[in-house]
Amino acid sequence: MVVIHKQDDADAACFELSGELTVACAGTLHDELLRLLETHPRLRLDLSQVAELDSSAVQILLWAQREAACRDSTLLLESFAPAVTEVVQLLNLKRVLVDSGVSV
């Protein structure tokens, strides 16, 4: 299940995604990220509490990065949990995410 908690940050709106980001919650994840992109021009997503990540969630995160760019907004993914790092490395997406301001 996707759980999004807002955290205060002076530079950008900061949210934490936690739990399992899988096909079971893909629709919810997409809708939540769209809502956040519509209301926050500078957005940071903390992925340190993600327990599981599958390819559907990766697709949605990549979509969200493109959507932010189309809106002239900023979306940074940060603090990858081991499950996130494993999938990013397995799918060879480190360069894509690093180029977007993400450190793995």
C-alpha atoms as a PDB file:
ATOM      1  CA  MET A   1       0.000   0.000   0.000  1.00  0.00           C
ATOM      2  CA  VAL A   2       1.187   3.518  -0.735  1.00  0.00           C
ATOM      3  CA  VAL A   3       1.394   5.867   2.228  1.00  0.00           C
ATOM      4  CA  ILE A   4       2.410   9.462   1.635  1.00  0.00           C
ATOM      5  CA  HIS A   5       3.408  11.624   4.592  1.00  0.00           C
ATOM      6  CA  LYS A   6       4.178  15.308   4.201  1.00  0.00           C
ATOM      7  CA  GLN A   7       7.358  16.584   5.821  1.00  0.00           C
ATOM      8  CA  ASP A   8       8.270  20.234   6.261  1.00  0.00           C
ATOM      9  CA  ASP A   9      11.140  21.537   4.170  1.00  0.00           C
ATOM     10  CA  ALA A  10      12.036  25.140   3.414  1.00  0.00           C
ATOM     11  CA  ASP A  11      13.220  24.424  -0.146  1.00  0.00           C
ATOM     12  CA  ALA A  12      10.524  22.086  -1.515  1.00  0.00           C
ATOM     13  CA  ALA A  13       7.459  20.131  -0.545  1.00  0.00           C
ATOM     14  CA  CYS A  14       8.796  16.885   0.872  1.00  0.00           C
ATOM     15  CA  PHE A  15       6.847  13.619   0.933  1.00  0.00           C
ATOM     16  CA  GLU A  16       7.759  10.112   2.024  1.00  0.00           C
ATOM     17  CA  LEU A  17       6.543   7.069   0.137  1.00  0.00           C
ATOM     18  CA  SER A  18       6.416   3.914   2.205  1.00  0.00           C
ATOM     19  CA  GLY A  19       5.312   0.331   2.004  1.00  0.00           C
ATOM     20  CA  GLU A  20       4.938  -1.708  -1.152  1.00  0.00           C
ATOM     21  CA  LEU A  21       4.910   0.194  -4.441  1.00  0.00           C
ATOM     22  CA  THR A  22       3.562  -2.530  -6.701  1.00  0.00           C
ATOM     23  CA  VAL A  23       0.942  -3.076  -9.375  1.00  0.00           C
ATOM     24  CA  ALA A  24      -1.649  -3.491  -6.598  1.00  0.00           C
ATOM     25  CA  CYS A  25      -1.366   0.212  -5.765  1.00  0.00           C
ATOM     26  CA  ALA A  26      -0.255   1.612  -9.131  1.00  0.00           C
ATOM     27  CA  GLY A  27      -3.462   3.576  -9.681  1.00  0.00           C
ATOM     28  CA  THR A  28      -3.266   5.137  -6.242  1.00  0.00           C
ATOM     29  CA  LEU A  29       0.413   5.995  -6.685  1.00  0.00           C
ATOM     30  CA  HIS A  30      -0.274   7.637 -10.056  1.00  0.00           C
ATOM     31  CA  ASP A  31      -3.197   9.661  -8.700  1.00  0.00           C
ATOM     32  CA  GLU A  32      -1.262  10.806  -5.622  1.00  0.00           C
ATOM     33  CA  LEU A  33       1.780  11.863  -7.635  1.00  0.00           C
ATOM     34  CA  LEU A  34      -0.406  13.735 -10.122  1.00  0.00           C
ATOM     35  CA  ARG A  35      -2.123  15.558  -7.248  1.00  0.00           C
ATOM     36  CA  LEU A  36       1.253  16.456  -5.734  1.00  0.00           C
ATOM     37  CA  LEU A  37       2.618  17.688  -9.077  1.00  0.00           C
ATOM     38  CA  GLU A  38      -0.472  19.850  -9.566  1.00  0.00           C
ATOM     39  CA  THR A  39      -0.044  21.544  -6.188  1.00  0.00           C
ATOM     40  CA  HIS A  40       3.736  21.685  -5.656  1.00  0.00           C
ATOM     41  CA  PRO A  41       6.149  23.145  -8.240  1.00  0.00           C
ATOM     42  CA  ARG A  42       9.152  21.830  -6.262  1.00  0.00           C
ATOM     43  CA  LEU A  43       8.690  18.311  -4.979  1.00  0.00           C
ATOM     44  CA  ARG A  44      10.978  15.875  -3.179  1.00  0.00           C
ATOM     45  CA  LEU A  45      10.076  12.216  -2.712  1.00  0.00           C
ATOM     46  CA  ASP A  46      11.836  10.297   0.041  1.00  0.00           C
ATOM     47  CA  LEU A  47      11.938   6.601  -0.883  1.00  0.00           C
ATOM     48  CA  SER A  48      13.771   5.387   2.226  1.00  0.00           C
ATOM     49  CA  GLN A  49      10.747   3.520   3.606  1.00  0.00           C
ATOM     50  CA  VAL A  50       9.791   1.635   0.431  1.00  0.00           C
ATOM     51  CA  ALA A  51       9.702  -2.081   1.195  1.00  0.00           C
ATOM     52  CA  GLU A  52       9.059  -3.310  -2.344  1.00  0.00           C
ATOM     53  CA  LEU A  53       9.156  -1.729  -5.791  1.00  0.00           C
ATOM     54  CA  ASP A  54       8.065  -3.354  -9.036  1.00  0.00           C
ATOM     55  CA  SER A  55       8.193  -2.304 -12.679  1.00  0.00           C
ATOM     56  CA  SER A  56       4.758  -0.666 -12.579  1.00  0.00           C
ATOM     57  CA  ALA A  57       5.933   1.697  -9.838  1.00  0.00           C
ATOM     58  CA  VAL A  58       9.155   2.395 -11.749  1.00  0.00           C
ATOM     59  CA  GLN A  59       7.085   3.351 -14.792  1.00  0.00           C
ATOM     60  CA  ILE A  60       5.000   5.719 -12.689  1.00  0.00           C
ATOM     61  CA  LEU A  61       8.071   7.345 -11.139  1.00  0.00           C
ATOM     62  CA  LEU A  62       9.588   7.850 -14.594  1.00  0.00           C
ATOM     63  CA  TRP A  63       6.266   9.279 -15.822  1.00  0.00           C
ATOM     64  CA  ALA A  64       6.204  11.653 -12.843  1.00  0.00           C
ATOM     65  CA  GLN A  65       9.684  12.925 -13.705  1.00  0.00           C
ATOM     66  CA  ARG A  66       8.598  13.606 -17.305  1.00  0.00           C
ATOM     67  CA  GLU A  67       5.365  15.220 -16.123  1.00  0.00           C
ATOM     68  CA  ALA A  68       7.273  17.510 -13.764  1.00  0.00           C
ATOM     69  CA  ALA A  69       9.583  18.557 -16.601  1.00  0.00           C
ATOM     70  CA  CYS A  70       6.577  19.320 -18.831  1.00  0.00           C
ATOM     71  CA  ARG A  71       5.195  21.542 -16.073  1.00  0.00           C
ATOM     72  CA  ASP A  72       8.553  23.308 -15.564  1.00  0.00           C
ATOM     73  CA  SER A  73       8.536  21.812 -12.086  1.00  0.00           C
ATOM     74  CA  THR A  74      11.171  19.935 -10.122  1.00  0.00           C
ATOM     75  CA  LEU A  75      10.796  16.377  -8.885  1.00  0.00           C
ATOM     76  CA  LEU A  76      13.677  14.849  -6.954  1.00  0.00           C
ATOM     77  CA  LEU A  77      13.764  11.242  -5.782  1.00  0.00           C
ATOM     78  CA  GLU A  78      16.003  10.694  -2.791  1.00  0.00           C
ATOM     79  CA  SER A  79      17.046   8.413   0.060  1.00  0.00           C
ATOM     80  CA  PHE A  80      16.536   5.137  -1.774  1.00  0.00           C
ATOM     81  CA  ALA A  81      15.680   2.117   0.358  1.00  0.00           C
ATOM     82  CA  PRO A  82      17.622  -1.078  -0.452  1.00  0.00           C
ATOM     83  CA  ALA A  83      14.601  -2.426  -2.376  1.00  0.00           C
ATOM     84  CA  VAL A  84      14.596   0.689  -4.581  1.00  0.00           C
ATOM     85  CA  THR A  85      18.348   0.600  -5.163  1.00  0.00           C
ATOM     86  CA  GLU A  86      18.157  -3.068  -6.142  1.00  0.00           C
ATOM     87  CA  VAL A  87      15.463  -2.468  -8.785  1.00  0.00           C
ATOM     88  CA  VAL A  88      17.158   0.671 -10.132  1.00  0.00           C
ATOM     89  CA  GLN A  89      20.408  -1.255 -10.579  1.00  0.00           C
ATOM     90  CA  LEU A  90      18.676  -4.328 -12.012  1.00  0.00           C
ATOM     91  CA  LEU A  91      16.883  -2.221 -14.633  1.00  0.00           C
ATOM     92  CA  ASN A  92      20.014  -0.176 -15.319  1.00  0.00           C
ATOM     93  CA  LEU A  93      18.207   3.080 -14.517  1.00  0.00           C
ATOM     94  CA  LYS A  94      20.880   4.607 -12.321  1.00  0.00           C
ATOM     95  CA  ARG A  95      22.054   6.985 -15.061  1.00  0.00           C
ATOM     96  CA  VAL A  96      18.489   8.082 -15.845  1.00  0.00           C
ATOM     97  CA  LEU A  97      17.703   8.798 -12.222  1.00  0.00           C
ATOM     98  CA  VAL A  98      21.105  10.295 -11.399  1.00  0.00           C
ATOM     99  CA  ASP A  99      20.758  12.675 -14.352  1.00  0.00           C
ATOM    100  CA  SER A 100      17.479  13.812 -12.807  1.00  0.00           C
ATOM    101  CA  GLY A 101      19.124  14.828  -9.559  1.00  0.00           C
ATOM    102  CA  VAL A 102      18.814  11.501  -7.793  1.00  0.00           C
ATOM    103  CA  SER A 103      21.646   9.851  -5.949  1.00  0.00           C
ATOM    104  CA  VAL A 104      21.718   6.073  -5.591  1.00  0.00           C
END
